N, C-alpha and C. Protein backbone atom coordinates (compact mmCIF):
# COMPACT_ATOMS: atom_id res chain seq x y z
N MET A 1 92.69 140.10 119.29
CA MET A 1 93.08 139.20 118.23
C MET A 1 92.51 137.81 118.47
N SER A 2 92.56 137.36 119.70
CA SER A 2 92.07 136.03 120.02
C SER A 2 90.55 135.94 119.87
N GLY A 3 89.86 137.00 120.24
CA GLY A 3 88.41 137.03 120.10
C GLY A 3 87.97 137.00 118.65
N GLU A 4 88.72 137.68 117.79
CA GLU A 4 88.40 137.68 116.36
C GLU A 4 88.61 136.30 115.75
N LEU A 5 89.70 135.65 116.15
CA LEU A 5 89.99 134.31 115.64
C LEU A 5 88.92 133.32 116.11
N THR A 6 88.50 133.44 117.33
CA THR A 6 87.45 132.56 117.85
C THR A 6 86.15 132.76 117.09
N ALA A 7 85.81 134.01 116.81
CA ALA A 7 84.59 134.30 116.05
C ALA A 7 84.66 133.73 114.64
N ILE A 8 85.82 133.84 114.00
CA ILE A 8 85.98 133.29 112.65
C ILE A 8 85.85 131.78 112.67
N ILE A 9 86.44 131.14 113.66
CA ILE A 9 86.35 129.68 113.76
C ILE A 9 84.92 129.23 114.00
N ILE A 10 84.21 129.93 114.87
CA ILE A 10 82.83 129.56 115.17
C ILE A 10 81.94 129.73 113.95
N VAL A 11 82.08 130.85 113.25
CA VAL A 11 81.26 131.09 112.06
C VAL A 11 81.60 130.07 110.97
N GLY A 12 82.88 129.79 110.78
CA GLY A 12 83.29 128.80 109.78
C GLY A 12 82.76 127.41 110.09
N THR A 13 82.84 127.02 111.34
CA THR A 13 82.33 125.71 111.75
C THR A 13 80.82 125.64 111.57
N ALA A 14 80.13 126.69 111.93
CA ALA A 14 78.67 126.70 111.77
C ALA A 14 78.30 126.62 110.29
N PHE A 15 79.02 127.32 109.43
CA PHE A 15 78.75 127.28 108.00
C PHE A 15 78.98 125.88 107.44
N ILE A 16 80.07 125.26 107.80
CA ILE A 16 80.37 123.91 107.31
C ILE A 16 79.32 122.92 107.80
N ALA A 17 78.93 123.02 109.07
CA ALA A 17 77.91 122.12 109.61
C ALA A 17 76.57 122.32 108.90
N LEU A 18 76.19 123.56 108.66
CA LEU A 18 74.94 123.84 107.97
C LEU A 18 74.98 123.31 106.53
N ALA A 19 76.10 123.51 105.84
CA ALA A 19 76.22 123.01 104.47
C ALA A 19 76.13 121.49 104.43
N TYR A 20 76.73 120.81 105.40
CA TYR A 20 76.67 119.36 105.45
C TYR A 20 75.24 118.88 105.69
N ILE A 21 74.52 119.55 106.57
CA ILE A 21 73.13 119.17 106.86
C ILE A 21 72.26 119.37 105.63
N VAL A 22 72.43 120.50 104.94
CA VAL A 22 71.64 120.77 103.73
C VAL A 22 71.94 119.73 102.66
N ARG A 23 73.22 119.38 102.47
CA ARG A 23 73.60 118.38 101.48
C ARG A 23 72.98 117.02 101.80
N THR A 24 73.01 116.64 103.06
CA THR A 24 72.46 115.36 103.47
C THR A 24 70.95 115.31 103.24
N ILE A 25 70.26 116.38 103.57
CA ILE A 25 68.81 116.43 103.35
C ILE A 25 68.49 116.38 101.86
N ALA A 26 69.26 117.11 101.05
CA ALA A 26 69.01 117.10 99.60
C ALA A 26 69.24 115.71 99.01
N GLU A 27 70.31 115.04 99.40
CA GLU A 27 70.57 113.69 98.91
C GLU A 27 69.46 112.73 99.33
N ASN A 28 68.98 112.89 100.54
CA ASN A 28 67.92 112.01 101.03
C ASN A 28 66.63 112.23 100.24
N ARG A 29 66.30 113.48 99.94
CA ARG A 29 65.09 113.76 99.16
C ARG A 29 65.20 113.19 97.75
N ILE A 30 66.36 113.35 97.13
CA ILE A 30 66.56 112.79 95.78
C ILE A 30 66.42 111.29 95.82
N ARG A 31 67.00 110.66 96.79
CA ARG A 31 66.92 109.20 96.92
C ARG A 31 65.47 108.75 97.08
N HIS A 32 64.71 109.44 97.92
CA HIS A 32 63.30 109.06 98.12
C HIS A 32 62.47 109.29 96.85
N LYS A 33 62.75 110.37 96.12
CA LYS A 33 62.01 110.61 94.88
C LYS A 33 62.31 109.52 93.85
N LEU A 34 63.56 109.10 93.76
CA LEU A 34 63.92 108.02 92.83
C LEU A 34 63.23 106.71 93.21
N ILE A 35 63.17 106.44 94.48
CA ILE A 35 62.52 105.21 94.94
C ILE A 35 61.02 105.28 94.67
N ASP A 36 60.40 106.43 94.96
CA ASP A 36 58.95 106.57 94.74
C ASP A 36 58.58 106.43 93.27
N LYS A 37 59.41 106.93 92.37
CA LYS A 37 59.12 106.84 90.94
C LYS A 37 59.54 105.51 90.34
N GLY A 38 60.17 104.66 91.13
CA GLY A 38 60.59 103.36 90.63
C GLY A 38 61.78 103.43 89.70
N MET A 39 62.57 104.45 89.83
CA MET A 39 63.72 104.63 88.95
C MET A 39 65.00 104.08 89.57
N VAL A 40 64.85 103.10 90.43
CA VAL A 40 66.00 102.51 91.09
C VAL A 40 66.59 101.44 90.18
N ASP A 41 67.79 101.67 89.71
CA ASP A 41 68.46 100.67 88.89
C ASP A 41 69.75 100.24 89.60
N ASP A 42 70.55 99.47 88.93
CA ASP A 42 71.76 98.95 89.55
C ASP A 42 72.76 100.05 89.89
N ASN A 43 72.81 101.11 89.09
CA ASN A 43 73.74 102.19 89.37
C ASN A 43 73.41 102.90 90.68
N VAL A 44 72.15 103.18 90.91
CA VAL A 44 71.73 103.86 92.13
C VAL A 44 71.94 102.94 93.33
N LYS A 45 71.61 101.67 93.18
CA LYS A 45 71.85 100.73 94.27
C LYS A 45 73.33 100.66 94.60
N TYR A 46 74.18 100.72 93.59
CA TYR A 46 75.62 100.68 93.80
C TYR A 46 76.10 101.92 94.54
N LEU A 47 75.55 103.09 94.21
CA LEU A 47 75.99 104.33 94.84
C LEU A 47 75.65 104.38 96.32
N TYR A 48 74.47 103.91 96.68
CA TYR A 48 74.01 104.06 98.06
C TYR A 48 74.23 102.83 98.92
N SER A 49 74.53 101.69 98.35
CA SER A 49 74.71 100.50 99.18
C SER A 49 76.07 100.45 99.83
N SER A 50 77.07 101.08 99.24
CA SER A 50 78.42 100.98 99.77
C SER A 50 78.71 101.99 100.88
N LYS A 51 77.79 102.88 101.17
CA LYS A 51 78.05 103.91 102.18
C LYS A 51 78.32 103.30 103.55
N LEU A 52 77.55 102.30 103.94
CA LEU A 52 77.71 101.73 105.27
C LEU A 52 79.06 101.05 105.41
N SER A 53 79.52 100.36 104.39
CA SER A 53 80.79 99.65 104.50
C SER A 53 81.96 100.62 104.63
N TYR A 54 81.84 101.83 104.09
CA TYR A 54 82.92 102.80 104.22
C TYR A 54 82.78 103.65 105.47
N ASN A 55 81.59 103.79 106.02
CA ASN A 55 81.40 104.60 107.21
C ASN A 55 81.98 103.94 108.45
N VAL A 56 81.88 102.64 108.55
CA VAL A 56 82.38 101.96 109.74
C VAL A 56 83.88 102.15 109.88
N PRO A 57 84.70 101.88 108.84
CA PRO A 57 86.13 102.15 109.01
C PRO A 57 86.44 103.62 109.20
N SER A 58 85.67 104.51 108.59
CA SER A 58 85.90 105.93 108.77
C SER A 58 85.62 106.34 110.22
N SER A 59 84.56 105.81 110.79
CA SER A 59 84.27 106.09 112.18
C SER A 59 85.35 105.53 113.09
N LEU A 60 85.85 104.36 112.73
CA LEU A 60 86.94 103.77 113.50
C LEU A 60 88.17 104.66 113.45
N LYS A 61 88.47 105.19 112.28
CA LYS A 61 89.64 106.06 112.11
C LYS A 61 89.53 107.29 113.00
N TRP A 62 88.40 107.97 112.91
CA TRP A 62 88.28 109.20 113.69
C TRP A 62 88.17 108.93 115.17
N GLY A 63 87.59 107.81 115.54
CA GLY A 63 87.56 107.43 116.96
C GLY A 63 88.96 107.19 117.49
N MET A 64 89.77 106.48 116.71
CA MET A 64 91.15 106.22 117.13
C MET A 64 91.95 107.51 117.23
N VAL A 65 91.80 108.40 116.26
CA VAL A 65 92.55 109.65 116.27
C VAL A 65 92.15 110.52 117.46
N LEU A 66 90.85 110.64 117.71
CA LEU A 66 90.40 111.49 118.81
C LEU A 66 90.80 110.92 120.17
N ILE A 67 90.75 109.61 120.32
CA ILE A 67 91.20 109.00 121.57
C ILE A 67 92.69 109.23 121.76
N ALA A 68 93.47 109.09 120.68
CA ALA A 68 94.92 109.30 120.78
C ALA A 68 95.24 110.74 121.12
N VAL A 69 94.55 111.69 120.50
CA VAL A 69 94.79 113.11 120.79
C VAL A 69 94.39 113.43 122.23
N GLY A 70 93.26 112.90 122.66
CA GLY A 70 92.84 113.11 124.05
C GLY A 70 93.82 112.50 125.04
N ALA A 71 94.34 111.32 124.74
CA ALA A 71 95.33 110.69 125.61
C ALA A 71 96.62 111.52 125.65
N ALA A 72 97.01 112.08 124.50
CA ALA A 72 98.22 112.92 124.47
C ALA A 72 98.04 114.17 125.33
N ILE A 73 96.88 114.78 125.27
CA ILE A 73 96.63 115.97 126.09
C ILE A 73 96.63 115.60 127.56
N TRP A 74 96.03 114.47 127.89
CA TRP A 74 95.96 114.01 129.27
C TRP A 74 97.36 113.71 129.82
N VAL A 75 98.18 113.01 129.04
CA VAL A 75 99.53 112.68 129.48
C VAL A 75 100.39 113.94 129.56
N ALA A 76 100.18 114.90 128.67
CA ALA A 76 100.98 116.12 128.68
C ALA A 76 100.72 116.96 129.92
N GLN A 77 99.62 116.74 130.60
CA GLN A 77 99.35 117.47 131.84
C GLN A 77 100.31 117.07 132.95
N LEU A 78 100.98 115.93 132.81
CA LEU A 78 101.93 115.47 133.80
C LEU A 78 103.31 116.11 133.64
N VAL A 79 103.52 116.78 132.50
CA VAL A 79 104.80 117.41 132.20
C VAL A 79 104.87 118.74 132.95
N PRO A 80 106.08 119.17 133.35
CA PRO A 80 106.20 120.48 134.03
C PRO A 80 105.67 121.62 133.16
N ARG A 81 105.18 122.66 133.80
CA ARG A 81 104.54 123.80 133.12
C ARG A 81 105.42 124.44 132.05
N SER A 82 106.71 124.51 132.28
CA SER A 82 107.59 125.21 131.34
C SER A 82 107.69 124.49 129.99
N PHE A 83 107.38 123.21 129.96
CA PHE A 83 107.49 122.41 128.75
C PHE A 83 106.13 121.90 128.27
N GLN A 84 105.05 122.33 128.94
CA GLN A 84 103.74 121.74 128.72
C GLN A 84 103.16 122.04 127.33
N GLU A 85 103.27 123.25 126.83
CA GLU A 85 102.69 123.58 125.52
C GLU A 85 103.33 122.76 124.41
N GLU A 86 104.64 122.65 124.44
CA GLU A 86 105.33 121.86 123.43
C GLU A 86 104.96 120.39 123.54
N ALA A 87 104.84 119.91 124.76
CA ALA A 87 104.49 118.51 124.97
C ALA A 87 103.08 118.21 124.47
N ILE A 88 102.17 119.13 124.66
CA ILE A 88 100.80 118.91 124.21
C ILE A 88 100.74 118.85 122.69
N VAL A 89 101.34 119.84 122.02
CA VAL A 89 101.27 119.88 120.55
C VAL A 89 102.00 118.69 119.94
N SER A 90 103.21 118.43 120.39
CA SER A 90 103.96 117.32 119.81
C SER A 90 103.31 115.98 120.14
N GLY A 91 102.78 115.84 121.33
CA GLY A 91 102.10 114.60 121.69
C GLY A 91 100.85 114.37 120.86
N MET A 92 100.10 115.44 120.61
CA MET A 92 98.90 115.31 119.78
C MET A 92 99.27 114.87 118.37
N LEU A 93 100.31 115.47 117.79
CA LEU A 93 100.71 115.11 116.43
C LEU A 93 101.25 113.68 116.36
N ILE A 94 102.09 113.32 117.32
CA ILE A 94 102.66 111.98 117.32
C ILE A 94 101.59 110.92 117.54
N MET A 95 100.74 111.12 118.53
CA MET A 95 99.71 110.13 118.84
C MET A 95 98.67 110.05 117.73
N GLY A 96 98.31 111.19 117.15
CA GLY A 96 97.39 111.18 116.01
C GLY A 96 97.97 110.44 114.83
N GLY A 97 99.25 110.65 114.55
CA GLY A 97 99.92 109.94 113.47
C GLY A 97 99.99 108.45 113.73
N LEU A 98 100.31 108.07 114.95
CA LEU A 98 100.35 106.64 115.28
C LEU A 98 98.97 106.00 115.16
N ALA A 99 97.93 106.75 115.54
CA ALA A 99 96.58 106.22 115.40
C ALA A 99 96.21 106.01 113.93
N LEU A 100 96.63 106.93 113.06
CA LEU A 100 96.35 106.76 111.64
C LEU A 100 97.12 105.59 111.05
N ILE A 101 98.35 105.38 111.49
CA ILE A 101 99.12 104.22 111.02
C ILE A 101 98.47 102.93 111.49
N ALA A 102 98.03 102.89 112.75
CA ALA A 102 97.36 101.70 113.26
C ALA A 102 96.05 101.47 112.51
N TYR A 103 95.33 102.55 112.21
CA TYR A 103 94.09 102.43 111.45
C TYR A 103 94.35 101.85 110.07
N TYR A 104 95.43 102.25 109.43
CA TYR A 104 95.75 101.74 108.10
C TYR A 104 95.84 100.21 108.12
N PHE A 105 96.55 99.68 109.11
CA PHE A 105 96.70 98.23 109.18
C PHE A 105 95.38 97.53 109.51
N ILE A 106 94.61 98.12 110.41
CA ILE A 106 93.31 97.53 110.77
C ILE A 106 92.35 97.57 109.59
N ALA A 107 92.28 98.72 108.90
CA ALA A 107 91.36 98.87 107.77
C ALA A 107 91.76 97.96 106.61
N SER A 108 93.06 97.81 106.37
CA SER A 108 93.48 96.93 105.27
C SER A 108 93.11 95.49 105.58
N LYS A 109 93.20 95.08 106.84
CA LYS A 109 92.75 93.73 107.21
C LYS A 109 91.24 93.59 107.04
N LEU A 110 90.48 94.63 107.44
CA LEU A 110 89.03 94.58 107.31
C LEU A 110 88.61 94.48 105.84
N PHE A 111 89.23 95.29 104.98
CA PHE A 111 88.86 95.27 103.56
C PHE A 111 89.30 93.99 102.90
N ASN A 112 90.46 93.47 103.26
CA ASN A 112 90.92 92.21 102.67
C ASN A 112 90.03 91.04 103.10
N SER A 113 89.58 91.04 104.34
CA SER A 113 88.71 89.95 104.80
C SER A 113 87.32 90.08 104.19
N SER A 114 86.85 91.31 103.95
CA SER A 114 85.52 91.47 103.35
C SER A 114 85.55 91.14 101.85
N ASP A 115 86.69 91.35 101.18
CA ASP A 115 86.81 90.99 99.77
C ASP A 115 86.86 89.49 99.56
N LYS A 116 87.48 88.78 100.50
CA LYS A 116 87.60 87.33 100.39
C LYS A 116 86.29 86.62 100.73
N GLY A 117 85.54 87.22 101.68
CA GLY A 117 84.33 86.56 102.17
C GLY A 117 83.16 86.85 101.39
């Protein structure tokens, strides 16, 4: 049962990664064709210029969540073996949630300061 689940997860992850790569390449080709033909107007500039401003907070969010989950797993190793599985799962959920709450406050400050400036 565990081997089947692992195989399903690996195949699913590989499919999602491949689909993301294909989508990124297709978007990049369309963007280059529009630029080469001189069909760049304000709408296209608007669509592609805002990606960087949203990627930085998104990267911050996932960095905070992954660090929090890793810290929860690390701290749960100090718990006795009989309670370790529960401590790992609950610690991951609690720390991940706290990281998302902290991210909300940080991102709202970042967006408010970028709107004013």
